[in-house]
Amino acid sequence: MRSPLPPQKVNSNSGNMAPKLELPYSAALVWLVFVSLIPPAEAYDAGDALALLLGTVLAVVGFCACLGWYARRRNGQL
């Protein structure tokens, strides 16, 4: 009797190849390198924290708005 599953492909180079670095991991690595190059702030007060929080929130909302616009345009709803 034949198996219903298709035969598995075997990669002959899997034993001697380095693991592939995926995009999110490489982007995180580059981000960490850039962050390590920034000198620390001498005085970090509540105004700076509020500005950072507000900038982060606006960036996330803007990204979500662009993603929603792209999805609607792609589905033909615009």
PDB file of N, CA and C in Angstrom:
ATOM      1  N   MET A   1       0.841  -1.185   0.000  1.00  0.00           N
ATOM      2  CA  MET A   1       0.000   0.000   0.000  1.00  0.00           C
ATOM      3  C   MET A   1       0.881   1.242   0.000  1.00  0.00           C
ATOM      4  N   ARG A   2       0.484   2.232  -0.769  1.00  0.00           N
ATOM      5  CA  ARG A   2       1.269   3.443  -0.909  1.00  0.00           C
ATOM      6  C   ARG A   2       0.856   4.480   0.132  1.00  0.00           C
ATOM      7  N   SER A   3       1.818   5.218   0.651  1.00  0.00           N
ATOM      8  CA  SER A   3       1.546   6.230   1.668  1.00  0.00           C
ATOM      9  C   SER A   3       0.845   7.435   1.042  1.00  0.00           C
ATOM     10  N   PRO A   4      -0.144   8.045   1.729  1.00  0.00           N
ATOM     11  CA  PRO A   4      -0.846   9.209   1.163  1.00  0.00           C
ATOM     12  C   PRO A   4      -0.005  10.486   1.231  1.00  0.00           C
ATOM     13  N   LEU A   5       1.064  10.480   2.022  1.00  0.00           N
ATOM     14  CA  LEU A   5       1.898  11.675   2.149  1.00  0.00           C
ATOM     15  C   LEU A   5       2.935  11.719   1.033  1.00  0.00           C
ATOM     16  N   PRO A   6       3.238  12.917   0.510  1.00  0.00           N
ATOM     17  CA  PRO A   6       4.261  13.015  -0.530  1.00  0.00           C
ATOM     18  C   PRO A   6       5.641  12.729   0.061  1.00  0.00           C
ATOM     19  N   PRO A   7       6.574  12.269  -0.748  1.00  0.00           N
ATOM     20  CA  PRO A   7       7.914  11.986  -0.224  1.00  0.00           C
ATOM     21  C   PRO A   7       8.602  13.275   0.227  1.00  0.00           C
ATOM     22  N   GLN A   8       9.379  13.176   1.285  1.00  0.00           N
ATOM     23  CA  GLN A   8      10.090  14.325   1.833  1.00  0.00           C
ATOM     24  C   GLN A   8      11.358  14.564   1.038  1.00  0.00           C
ATOM     25  N   LYS A   9      11.643  15.842   0.752  1.00  0.00           N
ATOM     26  CA  LYS A   9      12.871  16.196   0.052  1.00  0.00           C
ATOM     27  C   LYS A   9      13.993  16.304   1.074  1.00  0.00           C
ATOM     28  N   VAL A  10      15.120  15.752   0.748  1.00  0.00           N
ATOM     29  CA  VAL A  10      16.268  15.776   1.649  1.00  0.00           C
ATOM     30  C   VAL A  10      17.285  16.747   1.089  1.00  0.00           C
ATOM     31  N   ASN A  11      17.706  17.694   1.903  1.00  0.00           N
ATOM     32  CA  ASN A  11      18.718  18.660   1.491  1.00  0.00           C
ATOM     33  C   ASN A  11      20.087  18.081   1.795  1.00  0.00           C
ATOM     34  N   SER A  12      20.881  17.859   0.758  1.00  0.00           N
ATOM     35  CA  SER A  12      22.180  17.229   0.971  1.00  0.00           C
ATOM     36  C   SER A  12      23.188  18.174   1.608  1.00  0.00           C
ATOM     37  N   ASN A  13      22.952  19.495   1.536  1.00  0.00           N
ATOM     38  CA  ASN A  13      23.888  20.459   2.104  1.00  0.00           C
ATOM     39  C   ASN A  13      23.495  20.916   3.499  1.00  0.00           C
ATOM     40  N   SER A  14      22.486  20.301   4.101  1.00  0.00           N
ATOM     41  CA  SER A  14      21.984  20.790   5.385  1.00  0.00           C
ATOM     42  C   SER A  14      22.991  20.598   6.508  1.00  0.00           C
ATOM     43  N   GLY A  15      23.930  19.677   6.379  1.00  0.00           N
ATOM     44  CA  GLY A  15      24.878  19.431   7.456  1.00  0.00           C
ATOM     45  C   GLY A  15      26.012  20.433   7.513  1.00  0.00           C
ATOM     46  N   ASN A  16      26.370  21.040   6.366  1.00  0.00           N
ATOM     47  CA  ASN A  16      27.528  21.920   6.366  1.00  0.00           C
ATOM     48  C   ASN A  16      27.204  23.361   6.003  1.00  0.00           C
ATOM     49  N   MET A  17      25.939  23.745   6.017  1.00  0.00           N
ATOM     50  CA  MET A  17      25.571  25.128   5.722  1.00  0.00           C
ATOM     51  C   MET A  17      25.284  25.883   7.012  1.00  0.00           C
ATOM     52  N   ALA A  18      25.652  27.157   7.023  1.00  0.00           N
ATOM     53  CA  ALA A  18      25.344  27.998   8.176  1.00  0.00           C
ATOM     54  C   ALA A  18      23.855  28.299   8.176  1.00  0.00           C
ATOM     55  N   PRO A  19      23.257  28.497   9.355  1.00  0.00           N
ATOM     56  CA  PRO A  19      21.826  28.818   9.395  1.00  0.00           C
ATOM     57  C   PRO A  19      21.565  30.172   8.752  1.00  0.00           C
ATOM     58  N   LYS A  20      20.455  30.259   8.046  1.00  0.00           N
ATOM     59  CA  LYS A  20      20.089  31.498   7.367  1.00  0.00           C
ATOM     60  C   LYS A  20      19.592  32.521   8.382  1.00  0.00           C
ATOM     61  N   LEU A  21      20.113  33.721   8.302  1.00  0.00           N
ATOM     62  CA  LEU A  21      19.712  34.793   9.212  1.00  0.00           C
ATOM     63  C   LEU A  21      18.456  35.440   8.657  1.00  0.00           C
ATOM     64  N   GLU A  22      17.347  35.326   9.363  1.00  0.00           N
ATOM     65  CA  GLU A  22      16.085  35.877   8.900  1.00  0.00           C
ATOM     66  C   GLU A  22      16.084  37.401   9.032  1.00  0.00           C
ATOM     67  N   LEU A  23      15.196  38.064   8.294  1.00  0.00           N
ATOM     68  CA  LEU A  23      15.145  39.520   8.262  1.00  0.00           C
ATOM     69  C   LEU A  23      14.846  40.147   9.623  1.00  0.00           C
ATOM     70  N   PRO A  24      13.853  39.678  10.400  1.00  0.00           N
ATOM     71  CA  PRO A  24      13.611  40.331  11.698  1.00  0.00           C
ATOM     72  C   PRO A  24      14.812  40.253  12.631  1.00  0.00           C
ATOM     73  N   TYR A  25      15.533  39.140  12.604  1.00  0.00           N
ATOM     74  CA  TYR A  25      16.692  39.004  13.481  1.00  0.00           C
ATOM     75  C   TYR A  25      17.827  39.915  13.036  1.00  0.00           C
ATOM     76  N   SER A  26      18.032  40.034  11.737  1.00  0.00           N
ATOM     77  CA  SER A  26      19.102  40.902  11.256  1.00  0.00           C
ATOM     78  C   SER A  26      18.740  42.367  11.491  1.00  0.00           C
ATOM     79  N   ALA A  27      17.458  42.731  11.340  1.00  0.00           N
ATOM     80  CA  ALA A  27      17.043  44.107  11.608  1.00  0.00           C
ATOM     81  C   ALA A  27      17.211  44.437  13.090  1.00  0.00           C
ATOM     82  N   ALA A  28      16.889  43.492  13.956  1.00  0.00           N
ATOM     83  CA  ALA A  28      17.072  43.712  15.392  1.00  0.00           C
ATOM     84  C   ALA A  28      18.553  43.854  15.729  1.00  0.00           C
ATOM     85  N   LEU A  29      19.385  43.079  15.070  1.00  0.00           N
ATOM     86  CA  LEU A  29      20.824  43.164  15.307  1.00  0.00           C
ATOM     87  C   LEU A  29      21.368  44.521  14.872  1.00  0.00           C
ATOM     88  N   VAL A  30      20.945  44.997  13.701  1.00  0.00           N
ATOM     89  CA  VAL A  30      21.384  46.320  13.229  1.00  0.00           C
ATOM     90  C   VAL A  30      20.884  47.404  14.170  1.00  0.00           C
ATOM     91  N   TRP A  31      19.632  47.283  14.634  1.00  0.00           N
ATOM     92  CA  TRP A  31      19.080  48.268  15.565  1.00  0.00           C
ATOM     93  C   TRP A  31      19.887  48.311  16.862  1.00  0.00           C
ATOM     94  N   LEU A  32      20.262  47.153  17.376  1.00  0.00           N
ATOM     95  CA  LEU A  32      21.057  47.106  18.603  1.00  0.00           C
ATOM     96  C   LEU A  32      22.431  47.737  18.415  1.00  0.00           C
ATOM     97  N   VAL A  33      23.022  47.548  17.248  1.00  0.00           N
ATOM     98  CA  VAL A  33      24.321  48.173  16.979  1.00  0.00           C
ATOM     99  C   VAL A  33      24.176  49.691  16.954  1.00  0.00           C
ATOM    100  N   PHE A  34      23.140  50.194  16.278  1.00  0.00           N
ATOM    101  CA  PHE A  34      22.941  51.644  16.229  1.00  0.00           C
ATOM    102  C   PHE A  34      22.624  52.219  17.604  1.00  0.00           C
ATOM    103  N   VAL A  35      21.843  51.517  18.391  1.00  0.00           N
ATOM    104  CA  VAL A  35      21.501  52.001  19.729  1.00  0.00           C
ATOM    105  C   VAL A  35      22.743  52.042  20.615  1.00  0.00           C
ATOM    106  N   SER A  36      23.631  51.089  20.438  1.00  0.00           N
ATOM    107  CA  SER A  36      24.840  51.076  21.266  1.00  0.00           C
ATOM    108  C   SER A  36      25.778  52.221  20.920  1.00  0.00           C
ATOM    109  N   LEU A  37      25.629  52.820  19.724  1.00  0.00           N
ATOM    110  CA  LEU A  37      26.493  53.928  19.328  1.00  0.00           C
ATOM    111  C   LEU A  37      25.998  55.280  19.838  1.00  0.00           C
ATOM    112  N   ILE A  38      24.754  55.353  20.297  1.00  0.00           N
ATOM    113  CA  ILE A  38      24.189  56.614  20.776  1.00  0.00           C
ATOM    114  C   ILE A  38      24.733  56.901  22.177  1.00  0.00           C
ATOM    115  N   PRO A  39      25.267  58.096  22.385  1.00  0.00           N
ATOM    116  CA  PRO A  39      25.745  58.419  23.732  1.00  0.00           C
ATOM    117  C   PRO A  39      24.576  58.578  24.705  1.00  0.00           C
ATOM    118  N   PRO A  40      24.758  58.216  25.955  1.00  0.00           N
ATOM    119  CA  PRO A  40      23.655  58.335  26.917  1.00  0.00           C
ATOM    120  C   PRO A  40      23.322  59.800  27.204  1.00  0.00           C
ATOM    121  N   ALA A  41      22.057  60.061  27.490  1.00  0.00           N
ATOM    122  CA  ALA A  41      21.621  61.415  27.805  1.00  0.00           C
ATOM    123  C   ALA A  41      22.035  61.768  29.225  1.00  0.00           C
ATOM    124  N   GLU A  42      22.461  62.996  29.392  1.00  0.00           N
ATOM    125  CA  GLU A  42      22.872  63.451  30.727  1.00  0.00           C
ATOM    126  C   GLU A  42      21.662  63.725  31.614  1.00  0.00           C
ATOM    127  N   ALA A  43      20.673  64.404  31.058  1.00  0.00           N
ATOM    128  CA  ALA A  43      19.482  64.733  31.842  1.00  0.00           C
ATOM    129  C   ALA A  43      18.249  64.249  31.080  1.00  0.00           C
ATOM    130  N   TYR A  44      17.580  63.263  31.628  1.00  0.00           N
ATOM    131  CA  TYR A  44      16.398  62.697  30.999  1.00  0.00           C
ATOM    132  C   TYR A  44      15.237  62.932  31.947  1.00  0.00           C
ATOM    133  N   ASP A  45      14.400  63.922  31.631  1.00  0.00           N
ATOM    134  CA  ASP A  45      13.325  64.280  32.553  1.00  0.00           C
ATOM    135  C   ASP A  45      11.972  63.833  31.993  1.00  0.00           C
ATOM    136  N   ALA A  46      10.908  64.279  32.648  1.00  0.00           N
ATOM    137  CA  ALA A  46       9.562  63.846  32.273  1.00  0.00           C
ATOM    138  C   ALA A  46       9.168  64.353  30.890  1.00  0.00           C
ATOM    139  N   GLY A  47       9.644  65.514  30.500  1.00  0.00           N
ATOM    140  CA  GLY A  47       9.332  66.042  29.171  1.00  0.00           C
ATOM    141  C   GLY A  47       9.904  65.169  28.071  1.00  0.00           C
ATOM    142  N   ASP A  48      11.124  64.708  28.280  1.00  0.00           N
ATOM    143  CA  ASP A  48      11.735  63.814  27.294  1.00  0.00           C
ATOM    144  C   ASP A  48      10.977  62.487  27.218  1.00  0.00           C
ATOM    145  N   ALA A  49      10.577  61.959  28.353  1.00  0.00           N
ATOM    146  CA  ALA A  49       9.840  60.703  28.370  1.00  0.00           C
ATOM    147  C   ALA A  49       8.493  60.861  27.681  1.00  0.00           C
ATOM    148  N   LEU A  50       7.824  61.972  27.917  1.00  0.00           N
ATOM    149  CA  LEU A  50       6.533  62.224  27.279  1.00  0.00           C
ATOM    150  C   LEU A  50       6.685  62.376  25.772  1.00  0.00           C
ATOM    151  N   ALA A  51       7.721  63.078  25.341  1.00  0.00           N
ATOM    152  CA  ALA A  51       7.960  63.242  23.908  1.00  0.00           C
ATOM    153  C   ALA A  51       8.267  61.902  23.247  1.00  0.00           C
ATOM    154  N   LEU A  52       9.041  61.078  23.918  1.00  0.00           N
ATOM    155  CA  LEU A  52       9.351  59.751  23.379  1.00  0.00           C
ATOM    156  C   LEU A  52       8.097  58.892  23.297  1.00  0.00           C
ATOM    157  N   LEU A  53       7.284  58.905  24.322  1.00  0.00           N
ATOM    158  CA  LEU A  53       6.047  58.130  24.325  1.00  0.00           C
ATOM    159  C   LEU A  53       5.083  58.617  23.249  1.00  0.00           C
ATOM    160  N   LEU A  54       4.931  59.925  23.124  1.00  0.00           N
ATOM    161  CA  LEU A  54       4.037  60.488  22.113  1.00  0.00           C
ATOM    162  C   LEU A  54       4.537  60.162  20.707  1.00  0.00           C
ATOM    163  N   GLY A  55       5.830  60.262  20.477  1.00  0.00           N
ATOM    164  CA  GLY A  55       6.387  59.921  19.170  1.00  0.00           C
ATOM    165  C   GLY A  55       6.186  58.462  18.825  1.00  0.00           C
ATOM    166  N   THR A  56       6.348  57.584  19.816  1.00  0.00           N
ATOM    167  CA  THR A  56       6.147  56.158  19.583  1.00  0.00           C
ATOM    168  C   THR A  56       4.694  55.863  19.241  1.00  0.00           C
ATOM    169  N   VAL A  57       3.772  56.455  19.986  1.00  0.00           N
ATOM    170  CA  VAL A  57       2.343  56.237  19.731  1.00  0.00           C
ATOM    171  C   VAL A  57       1.958  56.750  18.346  1.00  0.00           C
ATOM    172  N   LEU A  58       2.437  57.933  17.973  1.00  0.00           N
ATOM    173  CA  LEU A  58       2.116  58.475  16.652  1.00  0.00           C
ATOM    174  C   LEU A  58       2.708  57.623  15.534  1.00  0.00           C
ATOM    175  N   ALA A  59       3.892  57.103  15.741  1.00  0.00           N
ATOM    176  CA  ALA A  59       4.513  56.251  14.730  1.00  0.00           C
ATOM    177  C   ALA A  59       3.718  54.955  14.550  1.00  0.00           C
ATOM    178  N   VAL A  60       3.276  54.345  15.640  1.00  0.00           N
ATOM    179  CA  VAL A  60       2.505  53.102  15.550  1.00  0.00           C
ATOM    180  C   VAL A  60       1.152  53.356  14.896  1.00  0.00           C
ATOM    181  N   VAL A  61       0.478  54.437  15.276  1.00  0.00           N
ATOM    182  CA  VAL A  61      -0.823  54.763  14.677  1.00  0.00           C
ATOM    183  C   VAL A  61      -0.660  55.060  13.191  1.00  0.00           C
ATOM    184  N   GLY A  62       0.385  55.789  12.824  1.00  0.00           N
ATOM    185  CA  GLY A  62       0.639  56.079  11.414  1.00  0.00           C
ATOM    186  C   GLY A  62       0.927  54.821  10.616  1.00  0.00           C
ATOM    187  N   PHE A  63       1.700  53.913  11.188  1.00  0.00           N
ATOM    188  CA  PHE A  63       1.993  52.651  10.511  1.00  0.00           C
ATOM    189  C   PHE A  63       0.722  51.839  10.305  1.00  0.00           C
ATOM    190  N   CYS A  64      -0.121  51.765  11.334  1.00  0.00           N
ATOM    191  CA  CYS A  64      -1.379  51.020  11.212  1.00  0.00           C
ATOM    192  C   CYS A  64      -2.308  51.660  10.190  1.00  0.00           C
ATOM    193  N   ALA A  65      -2.330  53.001  10.125  1.00  0.00           N
ATOM    194  CA  ALA A  65      -3.169  53.685   9.135  1.00  0.00           C
ATOM    195  C   ALA A  65      -2.697  53.378   7.727  1.00  0.00           C
ATOM    196  N   CYS A  66      -1.391  53.399   7.511  1.00  0.00           N
ATOM    197  CA  CYS A  66      -0.859  53.075   6.183  1.00  0.00           C
ATOM    198  C   CYS A  66      -1.115  51.618   5.818  1.00  0.00           C
ATOM    199  N   LEU A  67      -1.004  50.736   6.791  1.00  0.00           N
ATOM    200  CA  LEU A  67      -1.268  49.318   6.545  1.00  0.00           C
ATOM    201  C   LEU A  67      -2.741  49.097   6.195  1.00  0.00           C
ATOM    202  N   GLY A  68      -3.642  49.771   6.893  1.00  0.00           N
ATOM    203  CA  GLY A  68      -5.068  49.657   6.587  1.00  0.00           C
ATOM    204  C   GLY A  68      -5.411  50.224   5.227  1.00  0.00           C
ATOM    205  N   TRP A  69      -4.799  51.356   4.870  1.00  0.00           N
ATOM    206  CA  TRP A  69      -5.024  51.944   3.552  1.00  0.00           C
ATOM    207  C   TRP A  69      -4.549  50.997   2.458  1.00  0.00           C
ATOM    208  N   TYR A  70      -3.373  50.402   2.666  1.00  0.00           N
ATOM    209  CA  TYR A  70      -2.836  49.458   1.673  1.00  0.00           C
ATOM    210  C   TYR A  70      -3.741  48.240   1.536  1.00  0.00           C
ATOM    211  N   ALA A  71      -4.237  47.722   2.650  1.00  0.00           N
ATOM    212  CA  ALA A  71      -5.100  46.536   2.596  1.00  0.00           C
ATOM    213  C   ALA A  71      -6.409  46.843   1.879  1.00  0.00           C
ATOM    214  N   ARG A  72      -6.996  47.991   2.146  1.00  0.00           N
ATOM    215  CA  ARG A  72      -8.246  48.357   1.472  1.00  0.00           C
ATOM    216  C   ARG A  72      -8.022  48.590  -0.020  1.00  0.00           C
ATOM    217  N   ARG A  73      -6.903  49.211  -0.359  1.00  0.00           N
ATOM    218  CA  ARG A  73      -6.615  49.458  -1.772  1.00  0.00           C
ATOM    219  C   ARG A  73      -6.381  48.132  -2.485  1.00  0.00           C
ATOM    220  N   ARG A  74      -5.711  47.205  -1.831  1.00  0.00           N
ATOM    221  CA  ARG A  74      -5.417  45.907  -2.442  1.00  0.00           C
ATOM    222  C   ARG A  74      -6.687  45.080  -2.641  1.00  0.00           C
ATOM    223  N   ASN A  75      -7.633  45.203  -1.722  1.00  0.00           N
ATOM    224  CA  ASN A  75      -8.884  44.455  -1.841  1.00  0.00           C
ATOM    225  C   ASN A  75      -9.916  45.154  -2.725  1.00  0.00           C
ATOM    226  N   GLY A  76      -9.589  46.317  -3.242  1.00  0.00           N
ATOM    227  CA  GLY A  76     -10.499  47.020  -4.121  1.00  0.00           C
ATOM    228  C   GLY A  76     -11.599  47.761  -3.414  1.00  0.00           C
ATOM    229  N   GLN A  77     -11.449  48.075  -2.152  1.00  0.00           N
ATOM    230  CA  GLN A  77     -12.475  48.788  -1.399  1.00  0.00           C
ATOM    231  C   GLN A  77     -12.309  50.295  -1.476  1.00  0.00           C
ATOM    232  N   LEU A  78     -11.232  50.776  -2.049  1.00  0.00           N
ATOM    233  CA  LEU A  78     -11.043  52.222  -2.211  1.00  0.00           C
ATOM    234  C   LEU A  78     -11.189  52.605  -3.657  1.00  0.00           C
TER     235      LEU A  78
END
